[in-house]
Amino acid sequence: MKTSLVIMAAGIGSRFGGGIKQLEPVGPNGEIIMDYSIHDAMEAGFDKIIFIIRHDIEKDFREVIGDRIEKICARKNVEVCYAFQDLSDIPEGFTVPEGRTKPWGTGQAVLACKDLIKEPFIVINADDYYGKEAFVKIHDFLQGYTPEKSNEFCMAGFILKNTLSENGGVTRGICQLDENGYLTGVNETSNIVKTADGAAVDADGTLTPVDALSYVSMNMWGLTPEFVGMLETGFVEFFEKLNGNEAKAEYLLPIYIDELLKAGKVTVKVLGTDDRWFGVTYKEDKPVVVESFRKLIEDGVYKEELFAE
């Protein structure tokens, strides 16, 4: 069955090069984190890639990664598409509020793909490294899709201690699971820091321990084509409830999925992975990420020429 990799890259800055963390080289030949995600997804069996970007960065995006990936995908019979997130792409009957400059968040980003998604798909962030295992597990789950299972989703569950930064606090969605490994809720928790014992929430110097072995969501979801219709309905409801918060409100993927979950409309199977998540949350994280990729290459996880046959 055809499956798509949807990469949310619309948050990339309009100026490429210095300071844009999604495009910081981390591999030996200038590879960026996105290269490794694309490699792992294709290796797992995903055969269509949808980049979600903005119109104003299309030219630069294609120069930095898009054109290169299209050539690689052409050799491997993998389709490449572009979707564009736009501030003004909102439900009929509503208007963009004065002073609003940012698009409407990750839910609107995925909605930008509504004319492209006809198959089960995985959604990831452009600037996160997820490891190989989660792509394989989500691909295998999506291969069981039938229209009768349109409300059966999954997500990668990363172990909290494998997602922390050495350089400061991070926000993570700590997952609550039932006895069968299905998600029952996500507790968005701010300022989680690494400690000698594992992990703790830092509230102005007061450390409250949290279970370092908890599963957390890193915005890596396995979804069905029917979800896009649900997302469209939810976007209308989002606008109906704005109530004066138009300038800053965001339509976020995990929050909407949590709403569907709590309403009993969907299930989300948590697929645990032991892989370590990497990301450049702080500028000081980059050397750690570069060294981590160097070690993965040394251990034979990746070739030095990433896409070499």
Protein backbone atom coordinates (compact mmCIF):
# COMPACT_ATOMS: atom_id res chain seq x y z
CA MET A 1 0.00 0.00 0.00
CA LYS A 2 1.26 3.49 -0.85
CA THR A 3 2.18 5.57 2.21
CA SER A 4 3.25 9.21 2.47
CA LEU A 5 5.85 11.03 4.53
CA VAL A 6 4.57 14.52 5.39
CA ILE A 7 7.31 16.91 6.55
CA MET A 8 6.24 20.10 8.31
CA ALA A 9 8.83 22.63 7.13
CA ALA A 10 6.76 25.83 6.88
CA GLY A 11 8.32 27.11 10.10
CA ILE A 12 11.71 27.46 8.43
CA GLY A 13 12.84 31.10 8.35
CA SER A 14 12.62 33.12 5.17
CA ARG A 15 16.41 33.65 5.06
CA PHE A 16 18.40 30.48 4.53
CA GLY A 17 21.91 29.88 5.87
CA GLY A 18 23.24 31.22 9.16
CA GLY A 19 20.97 30.83 12.13
CA ILE A 20 18.27 28.67 10.56
CA LYS A 21 18.38 25.60 12.77
CA GLN A 22 16.44 23.33 10.37
CA LEU A 23 19.18 23.80 7.77
CA GLU A 24 22.26 23.52 9.97
CA PRO A 25 24.62 20.90 8.47
CA VAL A 26 25.02 17.97 10.86
CA GLY A 27 26.39 15.20 8.60
CA PRO A 28 29.89 14.73 7.14
CA ASN A 29 28.85 15.95 3.68
CA GLY A 30 26.65 18.83 4.76
CA GLU A 31 23.54 16.70 5.36
CA ILE A 32 20.81 18.33 7.42
CA ILE A 33 18.56 16.46 9.86
CA MET A 34 15.79 16.28 7.24
CA ASP A 35 18.05 14.21 4.96
CA TYR A 36 18.29 11.47 7.57
CA SER A 37 14.52 11.43 8.18
CA ILE A 38 13.85 11.12 4.45
CA HIS A 39 16.43 8.34 4.17
CA ASP A 40 14.91 6.41 7.09
CA ALA A 41 11.35 6.85 5.86
CA MET A 42 12.18 5.57 2.36
CA GLU A 43 14.13 2.65 3.84
CA ALA A 44 11.06 1.78 5.95
CA GLY A 45 8.89 1.72 2.79
CA PHE A 46 7.31 5.19 2.50
CA ASP A 47 7.05 5.98 -1.22
CA LYS A 48 5.70 9.54 -1.37
CA ILE A 49 7.09 12.70 0.23
CA ILE A 50 5.08 15.86 0.83
CA PHE A 51 7.02 18.95 1.90
CA ILE A 52 4.86 21.56 3.64
CA ILE A 53 6.52 24.94 3.12
CA ARG A 54 5.54 28.57 2.49
CA HIS A 55 5.43 30.21 -0.93
CA ASP A 56 8.03 32.81 0.09
CA ILE A 57 10.69 30.15 0.82
CA GLU A 58 9.99 27.81 -2.12
CA LYS A 59 12.93 28.93 -4.29
CA ASP A 60 15.47 28.70 -1.47
CA PHE A 61 14.01 25.46 -0.12
CA ARG A 62 14.31 23.77 -3.49
CA GLU A 63 17.92 24.96 -3.80
CA VAL A 64 18.92 23.77 -0.33
CA ILE A 65 17.19 20.37 -0.26
CA GLY A 66 14.16 19.96 -2.53
CA ASP A 67 15.84 19.60 -5.93
CA ARG A 68 18.48 17.27 -4.52
CA ILE A 69 15.91 15.02 -2.85
CA GLU A 70 13.76 14.97 -6.02
CA LYS A 71 16.71 13.54 -7.98
CA ILE A 72 17.33 10.86 -5.34
CA CYS A 73 13.61 10.00 -5.21
CA ALA A 74 13.37 9.76 -8.99
CA ARG A 75 15.96 6.95 -8.88
CA LYS A 76 14.00 5.16 -6.17
CA ASN A 77 10.52 5.62 -7.67
CA VAL A 78 9.39 7.84 -4.80
CA GLU A 79 6.97 10.69 -5.55
CA VAL A 80 7.75 14.22 -4.26
CA CYS A 81 5.03 16.88 -3.78
CA TYR A 82 4.80 20.34 -2.27
CA ALA A 83 2.02 21.81 -0.16
CA PHE A 84 1.95 25.45 0.89
CA GLN A 85 0.83 26.75 4.26
CA ASP A 86 -0.70 30.21 3.93
CA LEU A 87 -2.04 32.58 6.57
CA SER A 88 -5.07 33.42 4.39
CA ASP A 89 -6.07 29.77 3.77
CA ILE A 90 -8.90 29.69 6.30
CA PRO A 91 -12.50 28.38 6.34
CA GLU A 92 -15.11 30.17 4.26
CA GLY A 93 -16.95 32.93 6.10
CA PHE A 94 -13.98 33.98 8.25
CA THR A 95 -11.35 36.66 7.69
CA VAL A 96 -7.70 36.99 8.71
CA PRO A 97 -7.62 39.29 11.75
CA GLU A 98 -5.74 42.56 11.53
CA GLY A 99 -2.20 42.26 12.85
CA ARG A 100 -1.97 38.49 12.36
CA THR A 101 1.29 37.57 10.57
CA LYS A 102 1.92 33.90 11.43
CA PRO A 103 0.10 30.93 9.87
CA TRP A 104 -2.25 28.95 12.10
CA GLY A 105 -0.07 26.11 13.41
CA THR A 106 0.60 22.45 12.69
CA GLY A 107 -3.06 21.51 12.19
CA GLN A 108 -3.39 24.06 9.40
CA ALA A 109 -0.04 22.86 8.00
CA VAL A 110 -1.31 19.31 7.51
CA LEU A 111 -4.58 20.66 6.14
CA ALA A 112 -2.55 22.30 3.36
CA CYS A 113 -2.01 18.74 2.03
CA LYS A 114 -5.72 17.94 1.69
CA ASP A 115 -5.59 17.66 -2.11
CA LEU A 116 -2.43 15.53 -2.01
CA ILE A 117 -3.14 12.95 0.69
CA LYS A 118 -5.00 9.92 -0.63
CA GLU A 119 -3.23 7.30 1.45
CA PRO A 120 -2.15 6.63 5.07
CA PHE A 121 0.63 8.98 6.11
CA ILE A 122 3.20 9.83 8.73
CA VAL A 123 3.73 13.42 9.93
CA ILE A 124 7.08 14.66 11.25
CA ASN A 125 8.82 17.94 12.10
CA ALA A 126 11.51 19.09 9.68
CA ASP A 127 14.13 19.69 12.36
CA ASP A 128 13.82 16.53 14.49
CA TYR A 129 15.82 13.32 14.17
CA TYR A 130 13.67 10.34 15.15
CA GLY A 131 15.83 7.26 14.44
CA LYS A 132 14.99 4.30 12.20
CA GLU A 133 12.80 2.19 14.47
CA ALA A 134 9.81 4.53 14.68
CA PHE A 135 9.55 4.86 10.88
CA VAL A 136 9.49 1.05 10.52
CA LYS A 137 6.88 0.60 13.27
CA ILE A 138 4.58 3.34 11.94
CA HIS A 139 4.91 2.10 8.35
CA ASP A 140 4.00 -1.44 9.46
CA PHE A 141 0.99 -0.10 11.39
CA LEU A 142 -0.23 1.93 8.40
CA GLN A 143 0.01 -1.12 6.15
CA GLY A 144 -2.94 -2.54 8.11
CA TYR A 145 -5.15 0.39 7.05
CA THR A 146 -8.60 -0.23 5.57
CA PRO A 147 -11.44 2.31 5.24
CA GLU A 148 -13.11 0.54 8.18
CA LYS A 149 -10.11 1.52 10.31
CA SER A 150 -10.21 5.20 9.31
CA ASN A 151 -10.23 6.34 12.95
CA GLU A 152 -7.32 4.13 14.09
CA PHE A 153 -4.16 6.22 14.40
CA CYS A 154 -0.74 5.67 15.94
CA MET A 155 2.16 7.72 17.26
CA ALA A 156 5.81 7.11 18.09
CA GLY A 157 6.41 7.01 21.82
CA PHE A 158 9.91 8.16 22.74
CA ILE A 159 11.36 7.51 26.19
CA LEU A 160 11.62 10.87 27.97
CA LYS A 161 15.28 10.49 28.98
CA ASN A 162 16.18 9.91 25.29
CA THR A 163 14.77 13.32 24.30
CA LEU A 164 16.36 15.71 26.80
CA SER A 165 18.91 18.43 26.10
CA GLU A 166 22.16 18.83 28.01
CA ASN A 167 21.77 22.59 27.60
CA GLY A 168 18.47 23.57 29.21
CA GLY A 169 14.83 22.79 29.81
CA VAL A 170 12.51 21.42 27.13
CA THR A 171 8.74 21.06 26.73
CA ARG A 172 7.46 17.52 26.20
CA GLY A 173 4.03 15.93 25.87
CA ILE A 174 4.09 13.17 28.51
CA CYS A 175 1.75 10.38 27.44
CA GLN A 176 -0.83 8.55 29.51
CA LEU A 177 -1.52 5.02 28.26
CA ASP A 178 -4.10 2.35 29.03
CA GLU A 179 -3.18 -1.29 29.75
CA ASN A 180 -3.23 -2.10 26.02
CA GLY A 181 -0.77 0.62 25.01
CA TYR A 182 -3.34 3.07 23.65
CA LEU A 183 -3.06 6.80 24.32
CA THR A 184 -5.55 8.22 26.81
CA GLY A 185 -4.10 11.71 27.12
CA VAL A 186 -1.02 13.92 26.74
CA ASN A 187 0.22 16.12 29.57
CA GLU A 188 2.14 19.02 28.01
CA THR A 189 4.97 19.67 30.50
CA SER A 190 7.35 22.64 30.35
CA ASN A 191 10.96 23.06 31.44
CA ILE A 192 11.95 19.41 31.85
CA VAL A 193 15.68 19.19 32.60
CA LYS A 194 18.16 16.34 32.65
CA THR A 195 19.35 15.39 36.16
CA ALA A 196 21.78 12.86 37.60
CA ASP A 197 18.79 10.69 38.54
CA GLY A 198 16.96 11.08 35.22
CA ALA A 199 14.61 14.01 34.73
CA ALA A 200 12.81 16.75 36.66
CA VAL A 201 10.60 19.77 36.09
CA ASP A 202 12.50 22.93 36.98
CA ALA A 203 10.28 25.60 38.51
CA ASP A 204 12.64 28.49 39.28
CA GLY A 205 15.29 26.23 40.77
CA THR A 206 12.88 23.83 42.48
CA LEU A 207 13.24 20.41 40.85
CA THR A 208 10.25 18.06 40.84
CA PRO A 209 11.22 14.56 39.60
CA VAL A 210 9.33 13.05 36.66
CA ASP A 211 9.57 9.49 35.42
CA ALA A 212 12.47 9.48 32.94
CA LEU A 213 11.06 6.28 31.40
CA SER A 214 7.71 7.88 30.51
CA TYR A 215 6.69 7.90 26.86
CA VAL A 216 6.56 11.33 25.27
CA SER A 217 5.14 12.54 21.97
CA MET A 218 7.59 14.20 19.57
CA ASN A 219 4.93 15.07 16.97
CA MET A 220 5.43 11.88 14.94
CA TRP A 221 1.96 10.60 14.02
CA GLY A 222 0.65 7.81 11.82
CA LEU A 223 -2.69 8.94 10.35
CA THR A 224 -5.31 7.88 7.82
CA PRO A 225 -6.48 9.80 4.73
CA GLU A 226 -9.88 10.31 6.41
CA PHE A 227 -8.18 12.27 9.18
CA VAL A 228 -7.76 15.21 6.79
CA GLY A 229 -11.56 15.58 6.63
CA MET A 230 -11.76 15.52 10.44
CA LEU A 231 -9.03 18.16 10.55
CA GLU A 232 -10.99 20.37 8.17
CA THR A 233 -14.10 20.14 10.38
CA GLY A 234 -11.96 20.91 13.41
CA PHE A 235 -10.49 24.00 11.74
CA VAL A 236 -13.99 25.48 11.32
CA GLU A 237 -14.72 24.75 15.02
CA PHE A 238 -11.37 26.34 15.95
CA PHE A 239 -12.41 29.60 14.23
CA GLU A 240 -15.88 29.50 15.78
CA LYS A 241 -14.29 29.37 19.26
CA LEU A 242 -11.56 32.01 18.78
CA ASN A 243 -13.37 34.55 20.92
CA GLY A 244 -10.94 37.48 20.80
CA ASN A 245 -7.75 35.41 20.64
CA GLU A 246 -7.36 35.78 16.88
CA ALA A 247 -3.89 37.38 16.89
CA LYS A 248 -2.04 34.48 18.56
CA ALA A 249 -4.22 31.33 18.59
CA GLU A 250 -2.81 28.22 16.93
CA TYR A 251 -4.57 25.14 15.55
CA LEU A 252 -2.21 22.45 16.79
CA LEU A 253 -2.14 18.84 15.66
CA PRO A 254 -1.63 17.19 19.07
CA ILE A 255 -4.33 19.30 20.71
CA TYR A 256 -6.90 18.43 18.03
CA ILE A 257 -6.01 14.72 18.13
CA ASP A 258 -6.38 14.87 21.93
CA GLU A 259 -9.86 16.41 21.47
CA LEU A 260 -10.87 13.57 19.14
CA LEU A 261 -9.45 11.07 21.62
CA LYS A 262 -11.35 12.51 24.56
CA ALA A 263 -14.57 12.54 22.47
CA GLY A 264 -14.07 8.81 21.77
CA LYS A 265 -13.89 9.41 18.01
CA VAL A 266 -10.42 7.91 17.42
CA THR A 267 -7.86 5.57 18.93
CA VAL A 268 -4.10 6.19 19.02
CA LYS A 269 -1.76 3.23 19.46
CA VAL A 270 1.55 4.23 21.07
CA LEU A 271 4.44 2.49 19.32
CA GLY A 272 7.43 2.61 21.66
CA THR A 273 10.94 3.22 20.38
CA ASP A 274 14.28 3.05 22.19
CA ASP A 275 15.96 5.30 19.63
CA ARG A 276 17.38 8.59 20.82
CA TRP A 277 15.74 11.76 19.52
CA PHE A 278 18.04 14.58 18.42
CA GLY A 279 17.16 18.18 17.82
CA VAL A 280 18.82 21.57 17.85
CA THR A 281 16.71 23.19 20.56
CA TYR A 282 19.65 25.33 21.71
CA LYS A 283 22.63 26.46 19.59
CA GLU A 284 24.85 24.54 22.02
CA ASP A 285 23.05 21.33 20.97
CA LYS A 286 24.58 21.36 17.48
CA PRO A 287 28.01 19.86 18.40
CA VAL A 288 26.22 17.05 20.28
CA VAL A 289 24.03 16.32 17.25
CA VAL A 290 27.04 16.37 14.88
CA GLU A 291 28.91 13.98 17.17
CA SER A 292 25.83 11.73 17.45
CA PHE A 293 25.61 11.39 13.65
CA ARG A 294 29.35 10.77 13.45
CA LYS A 295 28.93 7.91 15.95
CA LEU A 296 25.94 6.48 14.04
CA ILE A 297 28.05 6.42 10.86
CA GLU A 298 30.96 4.86 12.74
CA ASP A 299 28.61 2.17 14.08
CA GLY A 300 27.37 1.38 10.55
CA VAL A 301 23.83 2.74 11.06
CA TYR A 302 24.37 5.11 8.10
CA LYS A 303 26.81 5.22 5.22
CA GLU A 304 29.06 8.26 5.05
CA GLU A 305 27.50 8.94 1.63
CA LEU A 306 23.96 8.81 3.01
CA PHE A 307 22.05 7.97 -0.18
CA ALA A 308 24.76 5.84 -1.79
CA GLU A 309 23.36 2.73 -3.49
